[in-house]
Amino acid sequence: MSRKTALVLMCLLTALNVGFVMLNTSIPSRAALGGMTYDDLVNDPDFVRAVKAVAATCAVNVDVATLKC
């Protein structure tokens, strides 16, 4: 593959990536109970306390982005 072909291919892939990011067809996530949004859950003290209690017993491996409980 020549340098010119590789450069054109990289530019095309970059343009496609930018297009998909701008399109952003994803829908916002919703909680399973009560239709609460992310902001609602973050501001709910009971939910925050429950998540902290569960996460305290888990081991996080940041290198491979895993959580073991």
Protein backbone atom coordinates (compact mmCIF):
# COMPACT_ATOMS: atom_id res chain seq x y z
CA MET A 1 0.00 0.00 0.00
CA SER A 2 1.45 3.34 -1.00
CA ARG A 3 1.72 6.28 1.37
CA LYS A 4 -0.86 8.22 -0.61
CA THR A 5 -3.39 5.37 -0.40
CA ALA A 6 -2.78 4.94 3.32
CA LEU A 7 -3.23 8.68 3.90
CA VAL A 8 -6.47 8.75 1.92
CA LEU A 9 -7.76 5.72 3.85
CA MET A 10 -6.88 7.28 7.21
CA CYS A 11 -8.61 10.55 6.25
CA LEU A 12 -11.70 8.66 5.14
CA LEU A 13 -11.86 6.67 8.37
CA THR A 14 -11.36 9.84 10.42
CA ALA A 15 -14.17 11.58 8.54
CA LEU A 16 -16.47 8.60 9.14
CA ASN A 17 -15.61 8.58 12.83
CA VAL A 18 -16.36 12.30 13.15
CA GLY A 19 -19.65 11.78 11.31
CA PHE A 20 -20.74 9.01 13.67
CA VAL A 21 -19.80 11.07 16.72
CA MET A 22 -21.79 14.03 15.42
CA LEU A 23 -24.77 11.85 14.53
CA ASN A 24 -24.95 10.35 18.06
CA THR A 25 -27.95 8.08 17.60
CA SER A 26 -27.75 6.68 21.12
CA ILE A 27 -30.66 7.20 23.46
CA PRO A 28 -30.22 8.36 27.05
CA SER A 29 -30.15 5.55 29.58
CA ARG A 30 -33.04 5.12 31.97
CA ALA A 31 -33.19 3.34 35.29
CA ALA A 32 -35.26 0.17 35.40
CA LEU A 33 -37.36 1.41 38.30
CA GLY A 34 -39.41 4.57 38.15
CA GLY A 35 -37.88 5.89 34.91
CA MET A 36 -35.22 7.85 36.78
CA THR A 37 -32.45 9.51 34.79
CA TYR A 38 -28.75 9.40 35.56
CA ASP A 39 -28.99 12.79 37.27
CA ASP A 40 -31.91 11.60 39.39
CA LEU A 41 -29.91 8.58 40.56
CA VAL A 42 -26.77 10.58 41.32
CA ASN A 43 -28.81 12.94 43.48
CA ASP A 44 -30.69 10.16 45.29
CA PRO A 45 -28.92 9.61 48.65
CA ASP A 46 -30.36 6.10 49.11
CA PHE A 47 -29.09 4.97 45.70
CA VAL A 48 -25.65 6.51 46.29
CA ARG A 49 -25.38 4.80 49.69
CA ALA A 50 -26.39 1.44 48.19
CA VAL A 51 -23.85 1.70 45.37
CA LYS A 52 -21.08 2.63 47.80
CA ALA A 53 -21.96 -0.35 50.02
CA VAL A 54 -21.77 -2.77 47.08
CA ALA A 55 -18.64 -1.21 45.60
CA ALA A 56 -16.85 -1.39 48.95
CA THR A 57 -16.82 -5.19 48.69
CA CYS A 58 -15.54 -5.24 45.10
CA ALA A 59 -12.06 -5.30 43.62
CA VAL A 60 -11.35 -3.02 40.67
CA ASN A 61 -8.72 -3.79 38.03
CA VAL A 62 -8.20 -0.48 36.26
CA ASP A 63 -5.76 -1.91 33.70
CA VAL A 64 -8.39 -4.09 32.06
CA ALA A 65 -11.51 -2.23 33.30
CA THR A 66 -13.00 -5.08 35.31
CA LEU A 67 -14.91 -5.22 38.56
CA LYS A 68 -15.02 -8.40 40.67
CA CYS A 69 -17.42 -8.70 43.55
